[in-house]
N, C-alpha and C. Protein backbone atom coordinates (compact mmCIF):
# COMPACT_ATOMS: atom_id res chain seq x y z
N UNK A 1 -7.74 -25.66 0.04
CA UNK A 1 -8.69 -24.62 0.53
C UNK A 1 -8.92 -23.76 -0.65
N UNK A 2 -10.26 -23.15 -0.26
CA UNK A 2 -10.65 -22.39 -1.45
C UNK A 2 -10.19 -20.90 -1.19
N UNK A 3 -10.04 -19.84 -2.32
CA UNK A 3 -10.21 -18.95 -2.28
C UNK A 3 -11.33 -18.02 -2.30
N UNK A 4 -10.99 -17.28 -1.62
CA UNK A 4 -11.94 -15.90 -1.85
C UNK A 4 -11.80 -14.65 -2.67
N UNK A 5 -12.91 -14.14 -3.44
CA UNK A 5 -12.13 -13.22 -4.06
C UNK A 5 -12.49 -11.72 -3.29
N UNK A 6 -11.50 -10.83 -3.37
CA UNK A 6 -11.71 -9.62 -2.62
C UNK A 6 -11.64 -8.57 -3.67
N UNK A 7 -12.30 -7.28 -3.00
CA UNK A 7 -12.38 -6.44 -3.92
C UNK A 7 -11.91 -5.23 -3.02
N UNK A 8 -11.48 -4.12 -3.55
CA UNK A 8 -10.99 -2.80 -2.65
C UNK A 8 -12.17 -1.89 -2.32
N UNK A 9 -12.40 -2.13 -1.03
CA UNK A 9 -13.32 -1.18 -0.64
C UNK A 9 -13.15 0.51 -0.36
N UNK A 10 -12.24 0.68 0.23
CA UNK A 10 -11.26 1.91 0.36
C UNK A 10 -10.07 2.11 1.05
N UNK A 11 -9.94 3.47 1.13
CA UNK A 11 -8.97 3.88 1.90
C UNK A 11 -9.36 4.72 3.32
N UNK A 12 -8.72 4.56 4.18
CA UNK A 12 -9.10 5.69 5.41
C UNK A 12 -7.91 5.94 6.03
N UNK A 13 -8.01 6.62 6.87
CA UNK A 13 -6.86 6.75 8.03
C UNK A 13 -6.66 5.96 8.85
N UNK A 14 -5.66 5.59 9.62
CA UNK A 14 -5.60 4.35 10.20
C UNK A 14 -5.44 5.30 11.56
N UNK A 15 -6.42 4.26 12.68
CA UNK A 15 -6.71 4.68 14.02
C UNK A 15 -5.70 4.57 15.12
N UNK A 16 -4.73 3.50 14.71
CA UNK A 16 -4.06 3.12 15.68
C UNK A 16 -2.56 2.96 15.10
N UNK A 17 -2.16 3.82 14.11
CA UNK A 17 -0.67 4.15 13.78
C UNK A 17 -0.84 5.22 13.40
N UNK A 18 0.17 6.44 13.71
CA UNK A 18 0.17 7.69 13.27
C UNK A 18 0.88 7.36 11.60
N UNK A 19 0.58 8.16 10.55
CA UNK A 19 0.86 8.27 9.57
C UNK A 19 0.81 7.37 8.32
N UNK A 20 -0.06 6.02 9.00
CA UNK A 20 -0.24 5.26 8.49
C UNK A 20 -1.63 5.09 7.76
N UNK A 21 -1.98 4.31 6.90
CA UNK A 21 -3.65 4.19 6.31
C UNK A 21 -4.31 2.61 6.86
N UNK A 22 -5.49 2.76 6.45
CA UNK A 22 -6.15 1.09 6.41
C UNK A 22 -6.26 1.18 5.20
N UNK A 23 -6.09 0.25 4.28
CA UNK A 23 -6.47 -0.22 3.52
C UNK A 23 -7.72 -1.36 3.45
N UNK A 24 -8.85 -0.99 3.04
CA UNK A 24 -9.90 -1.97 3.39
C UNK A 24 -10.48 -3.07 2.40
N UNK A 25 -10.24 -4.35 2.28
CA UNK A 25 -10.55 -5.44 1.39
C UNK A 25 -11.74 -5.96 1.76
N UNK A 26 -13.11 -6.02 0.62
CA UNK A 26 -14.05 -6.79 1.62
C UNK A 26 -14.30 -7.88 0.09
N UNK A 27 -15.13 -8.70 0.72
CA UNK A 27 -15.37 -10.05 0.22
C UNK A 27 -16.36 -9.72 -0.89
N UNK A 28 -16.07 -10.19 -1.97
CA UNK A 28 -17.44 -9.79 -3.28
C UNK A 28 -18.83 -10.74 -2.56
N UNK A 29 -18.55 -12.03 -2.60
CA UNK A 29 -20.12 -12.75 -1.83
C UNK A 29 -20.06 -12.82 -0.41
N UNK A 30 -20.05 -11.59 0.21
CA UNK A 30 -20.35 -11.79 1.82
C UNK A 30 -20.05 -10.60 2.39
N UNK A 31 -20.06 -10.40 3.71
CA UNK A 31 -19.95 -9.51 4.54
C UNK A 31 -18.97 -9.15 5.10
N UNK A 32 -17.75 -10.05 4.96
CA UNK A 32 -16.50 -9.62 6.08
C UNK A 32 -15.55 -8.64 4.89
N UNK A 33 -15.15 -7.64 5.86
CA UNK A 33 -13.87 -6.92 5.14
C UNK A 33 -12.30 -7.21 6.05
N UNK A 34 -11.90 -6.79 5.35
CA UNK A 34 -10.10 -7.04 5.62
C UNK A 34 -9.25 -5.88 5.75
N UNK A 35 -9.22 -5.50 7.08
CA UNK A 35 -8.69 -3.96 7.02
C UNK A 35 -7.45 -4.15 6.93
N UNK A 36 -5.97 -3.46 6.36
CA UNK A 36 -4.88 -4.08 6.65
C UNK A 36 -4.14 -2.67 6.33
N UNK A 37 -3.23 -2.47 7.49
CA UNK A 37 -2.54 -1.37 7.76
C UNK A 37 -1.17 -1.00 6.62
N UNK A 38 -1.05 0.33 5.75
CA UNK A 38 -0.20 0.26 4.68
C UNK A 38 0.35 1.66 5.17
N UNK A 39 1.60 2.14 4.19
CA UNK A 39 2.01 3.37 4.52
C UNK A 39 2.01 4.23 3.68
N UNK A 40 1.84 5.89 3.38
CA UNK A 40 1.19 6.77 2.78
C UNK A 40 1.78 6.47 1.33
N UNK A 41 2.87 6.16 1.16
CA UNK A 41 3.64 6.29 -0.32
C UNK A 41 2.17 4.84 -1.18
N UNK A 42 2.02 3.97 -0.50
CA UNK A 42 1.54 2.61 -1.10
C UNK A 42 0.10 3.37 -1.15
N UNK A 43 -0.44 4.07 0.43
CA UNK A 43 -1.72 4.46 0.07
C UNK A 43 -1.83 4.98 -1.41
N UNK A 44 -1.34 6.21 -1.45
CA UNK A 44 -1.45 7.31 -2.33
C UNK A 44 -0.97 6.61 -3.85
N UNK A 45 -0.30 5.65 -3.89
CA UNK A 45 0.11 4.83 -5.25
C UNK A 45 -1.33 3.83 -5.53
N UNK A 46 -2.13 3.60 -4.40
CA UNK A 46 -3.35 2.72 -4.71
C UNK A 46 -4.30 3.84 -5.01
N UNK A 47 -4.71 4.70 -4.31
CA UNK A 47 -5.59 5.81 -4.65
C UNK A 47 -5.63 6.20 -5.97
N UNK A 48 -4.07 7.08 -6.39
CA UNK A 48 -4.06 7.18 -7.60
C UNK A 48 -4.40 6.12 -8.95
N UNK A 49 -3.93 5.15 -8.98
CA UNK A 49 -4.58 3.81 -9.68
C UNK A 49 -5.56 3.74 -9.73
N UNK A 50 -6.49 4.14 -8.91
CA UNK A 50 -7.70 3.71 -8.83
C UNK A 50 -8.55 4.78 -9.33
N UNK A 51 -7.85 6.04 -9.43
CA UNK A 51 -8.79 7.37 -9.98
C UNK A 51 -7.81 7.35 -11.31
N UNK A 52 -8.61 6.59 -12.35
CA UNK A 52 -7.93 6.88 -13.17
C UNK A 52 -7.62 8.23 -14.55
N UNK A 53 -8.38 9.39 -14.39
CA UNK A 53 -7.98 10.55 -14.20
C UNK A 53 -6.90 11.10 -14.23
N UNK A 54 -6.24 10.97 -13.07
CA UNK A 54 -5.03 11.13 -12.04
C UNK A 54 -3.96 10.50 -12.77
N UNK A 55 -2.92 11.31 -13.11
CA UNK A 55 -1.79 10.81 -13.72
C UNK A 55 -0.31 11.97 -13.07
N UNK A 56 0.43 11.35 -12.50
CA UNK A 56 1.51 11.91 -11.69
C UNK A 56 2.73 12.37 -12.92
N UNK A 57 3.37 13.24 -12.64
CA UNK A 57 3.98 13.65 -13.78
C UNK A 57 5.13 12.89 -14.24
N UNK A 58 5.50 12.07 -13.38
CA UNK A 58 6.73 11.25 -13.06
C UNK A 58 6.01 9.23 -12.99
N UNK A 59 6.12 8.71 -13.52
CA UNK A 59 5.88 7.13 -12.84
C UNK A 59 6.22 6.98 -11.71
N UNK A 60 5.28 6.59 -11.05
CA UNK A 60 5.66 6.33 -9.47
C UNK A 60 6.30 4.63 -9.60
N UNK A 61 6.73 3.90 -8.81
CA UNK A 61 7.42 2.70 -8.68
C UNK A 61 6.59 1.66 -8.91
N UNK A 62 5.24 1.76 -8.58
CA UNK A 62 4.27 0.44 -9.15
C UNK A 62 4.32 1.02 -10.46
N UNK A 63 3.97 1.98 -11.01
CA UNK A 63 3.64 2.11 -12.81
C UNK A 63 5.31 1.93 -13.72
N UNK A 64 6.39 1.90 -13.16
CA UNK A 64 7.46 1.26 -13.61
C UNK A 64 7.12 0.04 -13.64
N UNK A 65 6.85 -0.71 -12.74
CA UNK A 65 6.87 -1.65 -12.68
C UNK A 65 5.97 -2.36 -13.92
N UNK A 66 5.10 -1.94 -13.78
CA UNK A 66 3.81 -2.19 -14.46
C UNK A 66 4.68 -2.08 -15.97
N UNK A 67 5.34 -1.37 -16.87
CA UNK A 67 5.87 -0.50 -17.66
C UNK A 67 6.88 -1.81 -17.95
N UNK A 68 7.59 -1.83 -16.89
CA UNK A 68 8.96 -3.12 -17.13
C UNK A 68 8.35 -4.50 -17.43
N UNK A 69 7.05 -4.89 -17.01
CA UNK A 69 6.61 -6.35 -17.04
C UNK A 69 5.74 -6.12 -18.73
N UNK A 70 5.17 -4.95 -19.01
CA UNK A 70 4.72 -4.95 -20.40
C UNK A 70 5.85 -5.20 -21.00
N UNK A 71 6.57 -4.54 -20.91
CA UNK A 71 7.80 -4.54 -22.01
C UNK A 71 8.27 -5.78 -22.28
N UNK A 72 8.24 -7.07 -21.28
CA UNK A 72 9.04 -7.93 -21.14
C UNK A 72 7.78 -9.23 -20.98
N UNK A 73 6.86 -9.00 -21.78
CA UNK A 73 5.74 -9.47 -21.80
C UNK A 73 5.31 -10.47 -20.57
N UNK A 74 5.43 -9.84 -19.53
CA UNK A 74 5.01 -10.69 -17.99
C UNK A 74 3.76 -10.25 -18.17
N UNK A 75 2.87 -11.28 -17.28
CA UNK A 75 1.23 -10.82 -17.09
C UNK A 75 1.02 -11.14 -15.55
N UNK A 76 0.30 -10.18 -14.82
CA UNK A 76 0.10 -10.76 -13.26
C UNK A 76 -1.04 -11.45 -13.45
N UNK A 77 -1.34 -12.47 -13.22
CA UNK A 77 -2.95 -12.87 -13.30
C UNK A 77 -3.51 -12.71 -12.08
N UNK A 78 -2.99 -12.58 -10.80
CA UNK A 78 -3.65 -12.87 -9.75
C UNK A 78 -2.46 -12.57 -8.50
N UNK A 79 -3.40 -11.62 -6.98
CA UNK A 79 -2.45 -11.72 -6.22
C UNK A 79 -3.00 -12.56 -5.33
N UNK A 80 -2.19 -13.21 -4.53
CA UNK A 80 -3.26 -14.10 -3.09
C UNK A 80 -2.48 -13.48 -1.89
N UNK A 81 -3.21 -13.45 -1.06
CA UNK A 81 -2.56 -13.07 0.51
C UNK A 81 -2.75 -14.16 1.16
N UNK A 82 -1.75 -14.93 1.22
CA UNK A 82 -1.65 -16.29 1.85
C UNK A 82 -1.39 -16.44 3.02
N UNK A 83 -0.42 -15.60 4.10
CA UNK A 83 -0.55 -15.85 5.04
C UNK A 83 -0.30 -15.05 6.19
N UNK A 84 -0.86 -15.09 7.70
CA UNK A 84 -0.99 -13.92 8.60
C UNK A 84 -0.29 -14.20 9.53
N UNK A 85 0.77 -13.64 9.68
CA UNK A 85 1.68 -14.21 11.14
C UNK A 85 1.84 -12.43 11.98
N UNK A 86 1.60 -12.58 13.42
CA UNK A 86 1.41 -11.88 13.84
C UNK A 86 1.28 -10.15 13.81
N UNK A 87 0.01 -10.73 12.74
CA UNK A 87 -0.63 -9.20 12.26
C UNK A 87 -0.17 -8.40 10.93
N UNK A 88 1.06 -9.31 10.35
CA UNK A 88 1.36 -9.08 8.97
C UNK A 88 1.38 -10.21 8.31
N UNK A 89 0.45 -9.70 6.94
CA UNK A 89 -0.14 -10.31 6.08
C UNK A 89 0.98 -10.31 4.83
N UNK A 90 1.15 -11.68 4.57
CA UNK A 90 2.18 -12.34 3.30
C UNK A 90 1.33 -12.30 2.14
N UNK A 91 2.00 -12.10 1.02
CA UNK A 91 1.19 -12.20 -0.21
C UNK A 91 2.18 -12.46 -1.28
N UNK A 92 1.79 -12.94 -2.36
CA UNK A 92 2.13 -13.72 -3.78
C UNK A 92 1.60 -13.14 -4.87
N UNK A 93 2.33 -12.91 -5.82
CA UNK A 93 2.26 -12.20 -7.18
C UNK A 93 2.42 -13.54 -8.15
N UNK A 94 1.03 -13.76 -8.80
CA UNK A 94 1.17 -15.02 -9.65
C UNK A 94 1.50 -14.62 -11.01
N UNK A 95 2.16 -15.16 -11.58
CA UNK A 95 2.72 -14.28 -12.70
C UNK A 95 2.89 -15.08 -14.07
N UNK A 96 2.86 -14.54 -15.31
CA UNK A 96 3.34 -15.36 -15.96
C UNK A 96 3.69 -14.87 -17.17
N UNK A 97 4.47 -15.95 -17.94
CA UNK A 97 5.75 -15.23 -19.08
C UNK A 97 5.72 -16.17 -20.13
N UNK A 98 5.15 -16.31 -21.18
CA UNK A 98 5.22 -17.33 -22.27
C UNK A 98 4.93 -19.06 -21.73
N UNK A 99 3.51 -18.75 -20.99
CA UNK A 99 3.16 -19.85 -20.83
C UNK A 99 3.85 -20.50 -19.55
N UNK A 100 4.76 -19.92 -18.80
CA UNK A 100 5.46 -20.51 -17.45
C UNK A 100 4.80 -19.53 -16.42
N UNK A 101 4.13 -20.52 -15.41
CA UNK A 101 3.87 -19.36 -14.23
C UNK A 101 4.63 -19.29 -12.90
N UNK A 102 4.61 -18.30 -12.46
CA UNK A 102 5.58 -18.00 -11.41
C UNK A 102 5.10 -17.45 -10.33
N UNK A 103 5.59 -17.88 -9.42
CA UNK A 103 5.23 -16.67 -7.54
C UNK A 103 5.85 -16.52 -7.39
N UNK A 104 5.91 -14.76 -6.88
CA UNK A 104 6.46 -14.21 -6.35
C UNK A 104 6.40 -13.57 -5.04
N UNK A 105 6.94 -13.58 -4.10
CA UNK A 105 7.05 -13.01 -2.57
C UNK A 105 7.07 -11.68 -2.57
N UNK A 106 6.02 -10.82 -2.24
CA UNK A 106 5.50 -9.63 -2.20
C UNK A 106 4.89 -9.00 -0.51
N UNK A 107 5.41 -7.39 -0.72
CA UNK A 107 4.40 -7.01 0.53
C UNK A 107 3.20 -6.72 -0.11
N UNK A 108 2.08 -7.39 1.14
CA UNK A 108 0.91 -6.90 0.56
C UNK A 108 0.39 -5.75 -0.34
N UNK A 109 0.78 -4.54 0.34
CA UNK A 109 0.57 -3.23 0.01
C UNK A 109 1.07 -3.24 -1.56
N UNK A 110 2.18 -3.70 -1.88
CA UNK A 110 2.83 -3.28 -3.61
C UNK A 110 2.23 -4.34 -3.87
N UNK A 111 1.83 -5.75 -3.73
CA UNK A 111 0.91 -6.51 -4.27
C UNK A 111 -0.44 -5.86 -4.69
N UNK A 112 -0.96 -5.14 -3.99
CA UNK A 112 -2.54 -4.69 -4.45
C UNK A 112 -2.15 -3.40 -5.52
N UNK A 113 -1.19 -2.89 -5.18
CA UNK A 113 -0.88 -1.29 -6.18
C UNK A 113 -0.41 -2.01 -7.45
N UNK A 114 -0.04 -3.04 -7.41
CA UNK A 114 0.46 -3.31 -9.55
C UNK A 114 -0.96 -4.32 -9.13
N UNK A 115 -1.66 -5.30 -8.20
CA UNK A 115 -3.02 -5.61 -9.02
C UNK A 115 -3.79 -4.85 -9.65
N UNK A 116 -4.16 -3.83 -8.91
CA UNK A 116 -4.69 -2.55 -9.42
C UNK A 116 -4.51 -1.93 -10.83
N UNK A 117 -3.32 -2.47 -11.21
CA UNK A 117 -2.62 -1.77 -12.26
C UNK A 117 -2.83 -2.84 -13.65
N UNK A 118 -2.73 -3.83 -12.98
CA UNK A 118 -3.15 -5.02 -14.16
C UNK A 118 -4.26 -5.33 -13.86
N UNK A 119 -5.20 -4.97 -13.26
CA UNK A 119 -6.97 -5.65 -13.23
C UNK A 119 -6.85 -6.94 -12.73
N UNK A 120 -6.00 -7.56 -12.02
CA UNK A 120 -5.78 -8.45 -11.51
C UNK A 120 -6.61 -8.81 -10.49
N UNK A 121 -7.11 -10.01 -10.16
CA UNK A 121 -8.08 -10.40 -8.83
C UNK A 121 -7.36 -10.31 -7.76
N UNK A 122 -7.78 -10.60 -6.40
CA UNK A 122 -6.88 -10.29 -5.13
C UNK A 122 -7.55 -11.38 -4.29
N UNK A 123 -7.11 -12.50 -3.95
CA UNK A 123 -7.31 -13.03 -3.27
C UNK A 123 -6.96 -14.11 -2.32
N UNK A 124 -8.10 -14.18 -1.11
CA UNK A 124 -7.52 -14.66 -0.01
C UNK A 124 -7.83 -15.90 0.65
N UNK A 125 -7.58 -16.47 1.77
CA UNK A 125 -8.17 -17.87 2.29
C UNK A 125 -9.17 -17.48 3.48
N UNK A 126 -10.44 -18.65 3.54
CA UNK A 126 -10.85 -18.55 4.73
C UNK A 126 -10.44 -18.52 6.00
N UNK A 127 -9.34 -19.17 5.93
CA UNK A 127 -8.48 -19.07 7.49
C UNK A 127 -8.35 -17.27 8.07
N UNK A 128 -7.50 -17.11 6.48
CA UNK A 128 -7.25 -15.65 6.94
C UNK A 128 -8.69 -14.47 6.99
N UNK A 129 -9.80 -14.73 6.97
CA UNK A 129 -11.04 -13.75 6.71
C UNK A 129 -11.12 -14.49 8.20
N UNK A 130 -11.05 -15.73 8.39
CA UNK A 130 -11.68 -16.05 10.03
C UNK A 130 -11.08 -15.40 10.99
N UNK A 131 -9.64 -15.51 10.77
CA UNK A 131 -8.90 -14.61 12.13
C UNK A 131 -8.74 -12.92 11.67
N UNK A 132 -8.59 -12.33 10.63
CA UNK A 132 -8.41 -10.85 10.63
C UNK A 132 -9.63 -10.40 9.89
N UNK A 133 -10.90 -10.82 9.30
CA UNK A 133 -11.70 -10.03 8.71
C UNK A 133 -12.67 -9.70 10.23
N UNK A 134 -13.71 -8.80 9.74
CA UNK A 134 -14.59 -7.68 10.74
C UNK A 134 -15.84 -7.88 9.54
N UNK A 135 -17.12 -7.65 10.20
CA UNK A 135 -18.19 -7.30 9.92
C UNK A 135 -18.80 -6.36 9.84
N UNK A 136 -18.97 -5.16 9.06
CA UNK A 136 -19.32 -4.14 9.01
C UNK A 136 -20.81 -3.69 8.91
N UNK A 137 -21.58 -2.92 9.74
CA UNK A 137 -22.77 -2.74 9.47
C UNK A 137 -22.76 -1.71 9.18
N UNK A 138 -24.44 -1.80 8.35
CA UNK A 138 -24.67 -0.63 7.37
C UNK A 138 -24.30 0.75 7.69
N UNK A 139 -24.44 1.11 8.85
CA UNK A 139 -24.24 2.69 9.50
C UNK A 139 -22.67 2.75 9.15
N UNK A 140 -21.81 1.83 9.94
CA UNK A 140 -20.70 2.13 9.66
C UNK A 140 -20.02 1.76 7.93
N UNK A 141 -20.89 1.09 7.73
CA UNK A 141 -19.85 1.02 5.98
C UNK A 141 -20.35 2.48 5.20
N UNK A 142 -21.68 3.01 5.74
CA UNK A 142 -21.82 4.57 4.99
C UNK A 142 -20.87 5.55 5.35
N UNK A 143 -20.78 5.19 6.72
CA UNK A 143 -19.44 6.55 7.44
C UNK A 143 -18.18 6.13 7.12
N UNK A 144 -17.69 4.82 6.71
CA UNK A 144 -16.57 4.78 6.05
C UNK A 144 -16.76 5.09 4.73
N UNK A 145 -17.15 4.95 3.80
CA UNK A 145 -17.71 5.39 2.36
C UNK A 145 -17.50 6.81 2.20
N UNK A 146 -18.13 7.24 2.80
CA UNK A 146 -17.68 8.96 3.38
C UNK A 146 -16.38 9.46 3.62
N UNK A 147 -16.26 8.70 4.54
CA UNK A 147 -14.77 9.18 5.19
C UNK A 147 -13.50 8.68 3.66
N UNK A 148 -13.77 7.58 2.99
CA UNK A 148 -12.86 7.10 2.27
C UNK A 148 -12.80 8.41 1.45
N UNK A 149 -13.67 8.71 0.95
CA UNK A 149 -14.02 9.68 -0.48
C UNK A 149 -12.63 10.98 0.01
N UNK A 150 -13.14 11.65 1.26
CA UNK A 150 -12.02 12.53 1.36
C UNK A 150 -10.88 12.23 1.88
N UNK A 151 -10.52 10.95 1.98
CA UNK A 151 -9.05 10.29 1.89
C UNK A 151 -8.57 10.07 0.54
N UNK A 152 -9.18 9.75 -0.18
CA UNK A 152 -8.19 9.81 -1.50
C UNK A 152 -8.40 11.00 -1.87
N UNK A 153 -9.42 12.21 -1.86
CA UNK A 153 -8.94 13.63 -2.47
C UNK A 153 -7.55 14.01 -1.83
N UNK A 154 -7.65 13.81 -0.11
CA UNK A 154 -6.16 14.39 0.17
C UNK A 154 -5.00 14.04 -0.61
N UNK A 155 -5.32 12.74 -0.61
CA UNK A 155 -3.73 12.03 -1.08
C UNK A 155 -3.74 12.67 -2.62
N UNK A 156 -4.36 12.75 -3.20
CA UNK A 156 -4.42 13.16 -4.56
C UNK A 156 -3.51 14.37 -4.42
N UNK A 157 -4.07 15.34 -3.48
CA UNK A 157 -3.59 16.96 -3.29
C UNK A 157 -2.29 17.04 -2.51
N UNK A 158 -1.43 15.79 -2.25
CA UNK A 158 -0.32 15.48 -2.17
C UNK A 158 0.78 15.06 -2.88
N UNK A 159 0.32 15.33 -3.99
CA UNK A 159 1.20 14.37 -5.49
C UNK A 159 2.44 15.82 -5.41
N UNK A 160 2.40 17.30 -4.95
CA UNK A 160 3.00 18.24 -4.81
C UNK A 160 3.44 18.49 -3.64
N UNK A 161 4.31 17.80 -2.62
CA UNK A 161 4.63 18.23 -1.30
C UNK A 161 5.04 19.51 -0.84
N UNK A 162 4.69 20.05 -0.06
CA UNK A 162 4.87 21.62 0.23
C UNK A 162 6.65 21.53 0.93
N UNK A 163 7.00 22.39 0.97
CA UNK A 163 8.36 22.47 1.19
C UNK A 163 8.17 22.71 2.65
N UNK A 164 8.82 21.78 3.89
CA UNK A 164 8.80 21.40 5.00
C UNK A 164 9.97 22.22 5.74
N UNK A 165 9.55 23.10 6.87
CA UNK A 165 10.67 23.60 7.76
C UNK A 165 11.22 22.45 8.19
N UNK A 166 12.97 22.45 8.17
CA UNK A 166 13.96 22.08 8.68
C UNK A 166 13.89 21.90 9.97
N UNK A 167 13.38 20.67 10.31
CA UNK A 167 13.19 20.07 11.87
C UNK A 167 14.13 19.26 12.52
N UNK A 168 15.29 19.06 11.36
CA UNK A 168 16.50 18.57 11.79
C UNK A 168 17.72 19.00 12.36
N UNK A 169 17.58 20.70 12.43
CA UNK A 169 18.40 21.92 12.32
C UNK A 169 19.25 21.56 13.48
N UNK A 170 17.88 21.11 14.98
CA UNK A 170 18.61 21.08 16.00
C UNK A 170 19.40 20.03 16.57
N UNK A 171 19.32 18.64 16.07
CA UNK A 171 19.58 17.53 16.42
C UNK A 171 21.20 17.30 16.19
N UNK A 172 21.83 16.66 16.95
CA UNK A 172 23.17 16.55 16.61
C UNK A 172 23.43 15.05 15.58
N UNK A 173 24.80 15.06 15.11
CA UNK A 173 24.65 14.23 14.60
C UNK A 173 24.54 12.59 14.57
N UNK A 174 25.12 12.53 15.63
CA UNK A 174 24.55 10.97 16.49
C UNK A 174 23.49 11.10 16.38
N UNK A 175 22.41 11.87 16.86
CA UNK A 175 21.25 11.82 16.96
C UNK A 175 20.29 11.98 15.34
N UNK A 176 20.62 12.50 14.43
CA UNK A 176 20.38 12.07 13.23
C UNK A 176 20.96 10.47 12.72
N UNK A 177 22.00 10.37 12.86
CA UNK A 177 22.33 9.02 12.28
C UNK A 177 21.22 7.53 13.08
N UNK A 178 21.14 8.03 14.69
CA UNK A 178 20.05 7.09 15.23
C UNK A 178 18.77 7.20 14.65
N UNK A 179 18.26 8.65 13.97
CA UNK A 179 16.80 8.72 13.88
C UNK A 179 16.93 7.56 12.31
N UNK A 180 18.15 7.81 11.64
CA UNK A 180 18.15 7.33 10.15
C UNK A 180 17.93 5.89 10.25
N UNK A 181 18.82 5.36 11.30
CA UNK A 181 18.71 3.82 11.26
C UNK A 181 17.45 3.47 11.47
N UNK A 182 16.59 4.26 12.56
CA UNK A 182 15.30 3.86 12.55
C UNK A 182 14.40 3.97 11.98
N UNK A 183 14.34 5.06 10.54
CA UNK A 183 13.71 5.09 9.30
C UNK A 183 13.90 3.96 8.70
N UNK A 184 15.10 3.48 8.60
CA UNK A 184 15.30 2.84 7.62
C UNK A 184 15.00 1.54 8.07
N UNK A 185 14.82 1.28 9.47
CA UNK A 185 14.31 0.07 9.81
C UNK A 185 13.06 0.02 9.58
N UNK A 186 12.23 1.06 9.82
CA UNK A 186 10.59 1.05 9.73
C UNK A 186 10.15 1.36 8.50
N UNK A 187 11.28 0.93 7.36
CA UNK A 187 11.02 1.27 5.82
C UNK A 187 10.50 2.85 5.77
N UNK A 188 10.55 3.62 6.28
CA UNK A 188 10.21 4.96 6.02
C UNK A 188 11.32 5.72 4.99
N UNK A 189 11.42 5.53 4.18
CA UNK A 189 12.16 5.76 3.20
C UNK A 189 12.17 7.47 3.21
N UNK A 190 10.86 7.89 2.86
CA UNK A 190 10.66 9.19 2.58
C UNK A 190 11.84 9.96 3.41
N UNK A 191 11.43 9.96 5.10
CA UNK A 191 11.85 10.45 6.17
C UNK A 191 13.19 9.99 6.02
N UNK A 192 13.76 8.93 6.05
CA UNK A 192 15.30 8.85 5.87
C UNK A 192 15.96 9.55 5.12
N UNK A 193 15.34 9.71 3.67
CA UNK A 193 15.84 10.40 2.43
C UNK A 193 16.31 12.00 2.57
N UNK A 194 15.31 12.43 3.84
CA UNK A 194 15.08 13.51 4.55
C UNK A 194 16.54 13.62 5.40
N UNK A 195 16.36 13.08 6.43
CA UNK A 195 17.69 12.84 7.18
C UNK A 195 18.78 12.49 6.83
N UNK A 196 19.15 11.74 5.49
CA UNK A 196 20.56 11.78 4.95
C UNK A 196 20.94 12.83 4.75
N UNK A 197 20.06 13.62 3.74
CA UNK A 197 20.14 15.13 3.26
C UNK A 197 20.70 16.02 4.26
N UNK A 198 19.96 16.24 5.82
CA UNK A 198 20.56 16.69 6.39
C UNK A 198 21.95 16.17 6.97
N UNK A 199 22.17 15.02 7.10
CA UNK A 199 24.08 15.03 7.18
C UNK A 199 24.56 15.12 6.45
N UNK A 200 24.21 15.12 5.11
CA UNK A 200 24.95 15.32 3.98
C UNK A 200 25.19 16.92 3.95
N UNK A 201 24.58 17.93 4.46
CA UNK A 201 24.60 19.02 4.20
C UNK A 201 25.67 19.39 5.16
N UNK A 202 25.81 18.69 6.48
CA UNK A 202 26.63 19.09 7.36
C UNK A 202 28.17 18.33 7.37
N UNK A 203 28.02 17.75 6.03
CA UNK A 203 29.63 17.16 5.74
C UNK A 203 30.59 18.41 5.31
């Protein structure tokens, strides 16, 4: 089955999942788009990589991966979104080192954040676009592009987070531990870290 080249169309706030973003990919030679729900951290990482003038004060995780790969002569050739199961996309990094090719399983959001840093092409298969791709009308496309600009600007300004009020002070230790488990299960590590710190402060 032939591969279809995709490009990043933009990042928009998710309308279906609070606190998440929709990364929208579009096929290079067609009108279909592929929306993928990703977390805020991954959205910020992709947005920052796309904006060449923005450099965070400390390397992000995906920047660290790029530095590590460059140090050991690992080259990311391409990303392939190869499977869709129950609304979850599965991707692979196709890497090369000393002429030997390796395929590494990865989350799609991480794969794309890394692909942007390596200027690597992003591909998917026809059957995935048939199942999950959508067509954007001209009016919707223009509205999306305008919305995407404001989202990226918003992500830029979140590099230095404001100090939030302690929303966990009224919870018991049992409730905090329960929320910590839920946060880890949901891979919301930023929230998990805040809950962990609150538990540690009470010890």
